Protein backbone atom coordinates (compact mmCIF):
# COMPACT_ATOMS: atom_id res chain seq x y z
CA MET A 1 0.00 0.00 0.00
CA SER A 2 1.43 3.37 -0.93
CA LYS A 3 1.88 6.20 1.54
CA THR A 4 -0.91 8.21 -0.11
CA ASP A 5 -3.48 5.45 0.56
CA ARG A 6 -3.47 6.11 4.30
CA THR A 7 -3.97 9.25 6.30
CA ARG A 8 -2.99 9.50 9.95
CA PHE A 9 -4.87 11.65 12.39
CA VAL A 10 -2.43 13.25 14.80
CA ILE A 11 -3.24 15.23 17.94
CA SER A 12 0.36 16.27 18.44
CA ASN A 13 3.67 15.46 16.84
CA VAL A 14 4.00 12.45 19.12
CA LYS A 15 0.66 10.71 19.35
CA VAL A 16 -1.14 9.01 16.45
CA ILE A 17 -4.80 8.68 17.42
CA GLY A 18 -6.22 6.89 14.41
CA GLU A 19 -5.75 5.95 10.81
CA TRP A 20 -8.07 6.05 7.81
CA ASP A 21 -7.54 3.63 4.95
CA TRP A 22 -8.85 5.34 1.80
CA THR A 23 -8.67 2.07 -0.15
CA LYS A 24 -11.52 0.60 1.93
CA PRO A 25 -15.11 1.62 1.17
CA GLN A 26 -16.47 4.33 3.43
CA LYS A 27 -19.58 3.49 5.46
CA CYS A 28 -22.23 5.81 6.81
CA MET A 29 -21.83 6.06 10.58
CA VAL A 30 -25.63 6.14 10.99
CA CYS A 31 -26.94 3.36 8.70
CA ILE A 32 -23.61 1.47 8.28
CA LEU A 33 -24.24 1.07 4.54
CA GLU A 34 -21.45 1.70 2.05
CA ILE A 35 -21.25 5.25 0.75
CA LYS A 36 -21.47 5.28 -3.02
CA GLU A 37 -19.75 7.75 -5.35
CA ASN A 38 -22.73 10.06 -5.97
CA ASP A 39 -24.19 9.96 -2.44
CA ASP A 40 -24.61 13.25 -0.58
CA VAL A 41 -22.03 12.86 2.21
CA VAL A 42 -21.13 14.99 5.23
CA TYR A 43 -18.40 14.56 7.84
CA CYS A 44 -18.26 15.22 11.55
CA PRO A 45 -15.79 18.10 12.12
CA TYR A 46 -14.55 16.43 15.31
CA CYS A 47 -13.94 12.77 14.34
CA TYR A 48 -14.14 13.14 10.51
CA HIS A 49 -16.34 10.06 10.10
CA PRO A 50 -18.67 10.16 7.06
CA ALA A 51 -22.43 9.84 6.90
CA HIS A 52 -25.20 10.22 4.37
CA ARG A 53 -26.42 13.81 4.80
CA GLU A 54 -30.09 12.94 5.34
CA HIS A 55 -29.29 10.17 7.81
CA LEU A 56 -27.06 12.36 9.95
CA LEU A 57 -29.48 15.30 9.86
CA GLU A 58 -32.27 13.06 11.13
CA TRP A 59 -29.94 11.66 13.82
CA LEU A 60 -28.93 15.16 14.93
CA HIS A 61 -32.57 16.24 15.10
CA VAL A 62 -33.19 13.49 17.67
CA LYS A 63 -29.84 13.12 19.48
CA GLY A 64 -27.92 16.36 18.88
CA LYS A 65 -24.51 14.67 18.92
CA CYS A 66 -22.25 12.67 16.61
CA PRO A 67 -23.15 8.96 16.60
CA HIS A 68 -19.46 8.07 16.53
CA CYS A 69 -17.60 10.45 18.86
CA GLN A 70 -20.63 11.68 20.86
CA HIS A 71 -19.50 15.32 20.53
CA PRO A 72 -22.41 17.81 20.55
CA LEU A 73 -23.02 18.75 16.92
CA ARG A 74 -25.15 21.17 14.91
CA GLU A 75 -26.04 21.01 11.22
CA GLU A 76 -24.06 24.21 10.51
CA GLU A 77 -20.87 22.51 11.70
CA LEU A 78 -20.97 19.56 9.27
CA LEU A 79 -18.19 19.32 6.71
CA THR A 80 -19.05 18.58 3.09
CA SER A 81 -15.49 17.64 2.22
CA LEU A 82 -12.25 16.64 3.92
CA GLU A 83 -10.19 18.19 1.14
CA GLY A 84 -7.36 20.24 2.56
CA MET A 85 -7.97 19.08 6.13
CA PHE A 86 -4.79 17.03 6.45
C-alpha cells in the first residue's frame, strides 16, 4: 500500500490517534451502509467520520450529537469535504 493510501490523524507530533484507509469503502456512521460515489455525504468536524447527509441530519434532530464520537453537533458545523484538512 502506498503512503498516499493512508492518512494519519495526529493530535500532536507524538501521538497518532487513528488511521483512515482510503482504499476501503467508506460506510455511513448512521446506517452502516457503504457510501457510493454520488451519495450526498457529510463529515463530523470532530472525528471526521462520514455519513449520508439525510441520515445524519435526522440523527442530529433526535440526538444532537455525533453517533461516533458523541460530541455535541449542529447542522451548521458539518463538513461537506475533507479536502485540505490534512
